[in-house]
Amino acid sequence: MTTRGSKILLVDDYPANVLVTSLYLEDFGYACDIAVNGAEALSKAITGDYAAILMDVELPDINGLDVTRMIRSHQGRHYQQPSLIIGMTAHAMVEDRNRCLAAGMDDYISKPFNPDLLREKLHDGITSRITSIAA
């Protein structure tokens, strides 16, 4: 099953991270929209059709954990299929991963990330969602 062409929402406020990550996403075959803060991420997430959201945990206005909770709440109230949300943070402790998962994220990756690991997490997560929708 191919995930090429799927649209990803990249949420990050640091321009260098946006540039590098978006280039990888393009190389992986994904289309990419960008949000640079939590309010923009929430707006795009609830109005867009994204196969996945890469969510920076530390954002300048609303942190990524709270944005994720708001997205999940909106999806639940509107009976929408939950988006794949992968948390991205420079913190690589087990507690950080657990906070991401507790907020409603599906997975977590530390920055700087291994491109092959990011590709795998996106492919596997998107594929499992496509499969569950089709079932």
C-alpha atoms as a PDB file:
ATOM      1  CA  MET A   1       0.000   0.000   0.000  1.00  0.00           C
ATOM      2  CA  THR A   2       1.451   3.359  -0.979  1.00  0.00           C
ATOM      3  CA  THR A   3       1.212   6.489   1.118  1.00  0.00           C
ATOM      4  CA  ARG A   4       2.865   8.701  -1.508  1.00  0.00           C
ATOM      5  CA  GLY A   5       0.926  11.874  -2.169  1.00  0.00           C
ATOM      6  CA  SER A   6      -0.600  11.917   1.305  1.00  0.00           C
ATOM      7  CA  LYS A   7      -0.739  15.358   2.875  1.00  0.00           C
ATOM      8  CA  ILE A   8       1.175  16.039   6.091  1.00  0.00           C
ATOM      9  CA  LEU A   9       0.773  19.021   8.424  1.00  0.00           C
ATOM     10  CA  LEU A  10       4.190  20.017   9.759  1.00  0.00           C
ATOM     11  CA  VAL A  11       3.939  22.100  12.936  1.00  0.00           C
ATOM     12  CA  ASP A  12       7.216  23.758  13.939  1.00  0.00           C
ATOM     13  CA  ASP A  13       8.235  27.321  14.731  1.00  0.00           C
ATOM     14  CA  TYR A  14      11.946  26.966  13.993  1.00  0.00           C
ATOM     15  CA  PRO A  15      12.666  27.803  10.315  1.00  0.00           C
ATOM     16  CA  ALA A  16      15.666  25.446  10.007  1.00  0.00           C
ATOM     17  CA  ASN A  17      13.587  22.511  11.281  1.00  0.00           C
ATOM     18  CA  VAL A  18      10.765  23.404   8.893  1.00  0.00           C
ATOM     19  CA  LEU A  19      13.165  23.525   5.946  1.00  0.00           C
ATOM     20  CA  VAL A  20      14.902  20.228   6.712  1.00  0.00           C
ATOM     21  CA  THR A  21      11.745  18.321   7.633  1.00  0.00           C
ATOM     22  CA  SER A  22       9.748  19.595   4.664  1.00  0.00           C
ATOM     23  CA  LEU A  23      12.559  18.573   2.296  1.00  0.00           C
ATOM     24  CA  TYR A  24      12.520  15.064   3.757  1.00  0.00           C
ATOM     25  CA  LEU A  25       8.737  14.883   3.498  1.00  0.00           C
ATOM     26  CA  GLU A  26       8.918  15.942  -0.140  1.00  0.00           C
ATOM     27  CA  ASP A  27      11.626  13.344  -0.761  1.00  0.00           C
ATOM     28  CA  PHE A  28       9.396  10.710   0.871  1.00  0.00           C
ATOM     29  CA  GLY A  29       6.625  11.641  -1.583  1.00  0.00           C
ATOM     30  CA  TYR A  30       4.335  13.576   0.768  1.00  0.00           C
ATOM     31  CA  ALA A  31       2.688  16.941   0.230  1.00  0.00           C
ATOM     32  CA  CYS A  32       3.343  19.285   3.143  1.00  0.00           C
ATOM     33  CA  ASP A  33       1.502  22.182   4.774  1.00  0.00           C
ATOM     34  CA  ILE A  34       3.201  24.179   7.510  1.00  0.00           C
ATOM     35  CA  ALA A  35       1.947  25.778  10.722  1.00  0.00           C
ATOM     36  CA  VAL A  36       4.352  27.845  12.825  1.00  0.00           C
ATOM     37  CA  ASN A  37       2.356  28.077  16.051  1.00  0.00           C
ATOM     38  CA  GLY A  38      -0.327  26.255  17.983  1.00  0.00           C
ATOM     39  CA  ALA A  39      -3.258  28.414  16.904  1.00  0.00           C
ATOM     40  CA  GLU A  40      -2.398  27.975  13.229  1.00  0.00           C
ATOM     41  CA  ALA A  41      -1.880  24.241  13.753  1.00  0.00           C
ATOM     42  CA  LEU A  42      -5.285  23.861  15.368  1.00  0.00           C
ATOM     43  CA  SER A  43      -7.012  25.830  12.621  1.00  0.00           C
ATOM     44  CA  LYS A  44      -5.358  23.853   9.825  1.00  0.00           C
ATOM     45  CA  ALA A  45      -5.819  20.504  11.567  1.00  0.00           C
ATOM     46  CA  ILE A  46      -9.579  20.938  12.002  1.00  0.00           C
ATOM     47  CA  THR A  47     -10.187  22.319   8.506  1.00  0.00           C
ATOM     48  CA  GLY A  48      -7.650  20.327   6.488  1.00  0.00           C
ATOM     49  CA  ASP A  49      -7.506  16.741   5.369  1.00  0.00           C
ATOM     50  CA  TYR A  50      -4.179  15.457   6.663  1.00  0.00           C
ATOM     51  CA  ALA A  51      -2.958  11.888   6.692  1.00  0.00           C
ATOM     52  CA  ALA A  52      -0.623  12.844   9.532  1.00  0.00           C
ATOM     53  CA  ILE A  53       0.452  15.736  11.714  1.00  0.00           C
ATOM     54  CA  LEU A  54       4.046  16.192  12.848  1.00  0.00           C
ATOM     55  CA  MET A  55       3.627  18.223  16.035  1.00  0.00           C
ATOM     56  CA  ASP A  56       6.454  20.124  17.680  1.00  0.00           C
ATOM     57  CA  VAL A  57       5.881  19.919  21.419  1.00  0.00           C
ATOM     58  CA  GLU A  58       7.298  23.355  22.230  1.00  0.00           C
ATOM     59  CA  LEU A  59       5.516  26.117  20.339  1.00  0.00           C
ATOM     60  CA  PRO A  60       5.473  29.868  21.057  1.00  0.00           C
ATOM     61  CA  ASP A  61       1.775  30.228  21.920  1.00  0.00           C
ATOM     62  CA  ILE A  62      -0.022  26.953  22.687  1.00  0.00           C
ATOM     63  CA  ASN A  63       2.232  23.972  23.293  1.00  0.00           C
ATOM     64  CA  GLY A  64       1.905  20.934  21.061  1.00  0.00           C
ATOM     65  CA  LEU A  65       0.491  18.789  23.854  1.00  0.00           C
ATOM     66  CA  ASP A  66      -2.441  21.161  24.364  1.00  0.00           C
ATOM     67  CA  VAL A  67      -2.967  21.556  20.608  1.00  0.00           C
ATOM     68  CA  THR A  68      -3.123  17.772  20.305  1.00  0.00           C
ATOM     69  CA  ARG A  69      -5.721  17.590  23.077  1.00  0.00           C
ATOM     70  CA  MET A  70      -7.807  20.235  21.271  1.00  0.00           C
ATOM     71  CA  ILE A  71      -7.532  18.386  17.948  1.00  0.00           C
ATOM     72  CA  ARG A  72      -8.559  15.097  19.578  1.00  0.00           C
ATOM     73  CA  SER A  73     -11.488  16.812  21.323  1.00  0.00           C
ATOM     74  CA  HIS A  74     -12.673  18.330  18.036  1.00  0.00           C
ATOM     75  CA  GLN A  75     -12.344  15.007  16.221  1.00  0.00           C
ATOM     76  CA  GLY A  76     -14.319  13.265  18.959  1.00  0.00           C
ATOM     77  CA  ARG A  77     -17.124  15.849  18.993  1.00  0.00           C
ATOM     78  CA  HIS A  78     -17.435  15.683  15.201  1.00  0.00           C
ATOM     79  CA  TYR A  79     -17.076  11.894  14.899  1.00  0.00           C
ATOM     80  CA  GLN A  80     -14.008  12.272  12.691  1.00  0.00           C
ATOM     81  CA  GLN A  81     -11.400   9.613  12.088  1.00  0.00           C
ATOM     82  CA  PRO A  82      -8.475  10.542  14.364  1.00  0.00           C
ATOM     83  CA  SER A  83      -5.440  11.889  12.508  1.00  0.00           C
ATOM     84  CA  LEU A  84      -2.063  10.280  12.997  1.00  0.00           C
ATOM     85  CA  ILE A  85      -0.167  12.692  15.262  1.00  0.00           C
ATOM     86  CA  ILE A  86       3.544  12.225  15.847  1.00  0.00           C
ATOM     87  CA  GLY A  87       5.150  14.407  18.494  1.00  0.00           C
ATOM     88  CA  MET A  88       8.540  15.912  17.740  1.00  0.00           C
ATOM     89  CA  THR A  89      10.784  17.293  20.467  1.00  0.00           C
ATOM     90  CA  ALA A  90      14.447  17.765  21.302  1.00  0.00           C
ATOM     91  CA  HIS A  91      13.791  16.043  24.623  1.00  0.00           C
ATOM     92  CA  ALA A  92      14.448  12.331  24.404  1.00  0.00           C
ATOM     93  CA  MET A  93      13.548  11.118  27.879  1.00  0.00           C
ATOM     94  CA  VAL A  94      10.978   8.383  28.493  1.00  0.00           C
ATOM     95  CA  GLU A  95       8.869  10.908  30.433  1.00  0.00           C
ATOM     96  CA  ASP A  96       8.702  13.147  27.346  1.00  0.00           C
ATOM     97  CA  ARG A  97       7.462  10.277  25.216  1.00  0.00           C
ATOM     98  CA  ASN A  98       4.884   9.378  27.855  1.00  0.00           C
ATOM     99  CA  ARG A  99       3.624  12.995  27.993  1.00  0.00           C
ATOM    100  CA  CYS A 100       3.167  12.953  24.208  1.00  0.00           C
ATOM    101  CA  LEU A 101       1.214   9.717  24.291  1.00  0.00           C
ATOM    102  CA  ALA A 102      -0.871  10.858  27.279  1.00  0.00           C
ATOM    103  CA  ALA A 103      -1.846  14.018  25.358  1.00  0.00           C
ATOM    104  CA  GLY A 104      -3.263  11.880  22.536  1.00  0.00           C
ATOM    105  CA  MET A 105      -0.321  11.649  20.163  1.00  0.00           C
ATOM    106  CA  ASP A 106       0.099   8.302  18.452  1.00  0.00           C
ATOM    107  CA  ASP A 107       3.865   8.293  18.407  1.00  0.00           C
ATOM    108  CA  TYR A 108       6.928  10.328  19.203  1.00  0.00           C
ATOM    109  CA  ILE A 109      10.257  11.086  17.584  1.00  0.00           C
ATOM    110  CA  SER A 110      13.149  13.038  19.053  1.00  0.00           C
ATOM    111  CA  LYS A 111      14.955  15.816  17.185  1.00  0.00           C
ATOM    112  CA  PRO A 112      17.235  15.715  15.433  1.00  0.00           C
ATOM    113  CA  PHE A 113      15.424  12.752  13.921  1.00  0.00           C
ATOM    114  CA  ASN A 114      16.655   9.832  11.894  1.00  0.00           C
ATOM    115  CA  PRO A 115      15.038  10.298   8.440  1.00  0.00           C
ATOM    116  CA  ASP A 116      14.551   6.559   7.947  1.00  0.00           C
ATOM    117  CA  LEU A 117      12.769   6.303  11.293  1.00  0.00           C
ATOM    118  CA  LEU A 118      10.507   9.241  10.408  1.00  0.00           C
ATOM    119  CA  ARG A 119       9.677   7.689   7.027  1.00  0.00           C
ATOM    120  CA  GLU A 120       8.876   4.377   8.715  1.00  0.00           C
ATOM    121  CA  LYS A 121       6.674   5.932  11.413  1.00  0.00           C
ATOM    122  CA  LEU A 122       4.729   7.938   8.828  1.00  0.00           C
ATOM    123  CA  HIS A 123       4.302   5.039   6.424  1.00  0.00           C
ATOM    124  CA  ASP A 124       3.281   2.552   9.105  1.00  0.00           C
ATOM    125  CA  GLY A 125       0.932   4.980  10.860  1.00  0.00           C
ATOM    126  CA  ILE A 126      -0.779   6.180   7.686  1.00  0.00           C
ATOM    127  CA  THR A 127      -1.068   2.654   6.313  1.00  0.00           C
ATOM    128  CA  SER A 128      -2.682   1.368   9.515  1.00  0.00           C
ATOM    129  CA  ARG A 129      -5.233   4.207   9.420  1.00  0.00           C
ATOM    130  CA  ILE A 130      -6.061   3.562   5.759  1.00  0.00           C
ATOM    131  CA  THR A 131      -6.470  -0.133   6.512  1.00  0.00           C
ATOM    132  CA  SER A 132      -8.746   0.511   9.517  1.00  0.00           C
ATOM    133  CA  ILE A 133     -10.962   2.897   7.492  1.00  0.00           C
ATOM    134  CA  ALA A 134     -11.291   0.330   4.701  1.00  0.00           C
ATOM    135  CA  ALA A 135     -12.194  -2.469   7.121  1.00  0.00           C
END
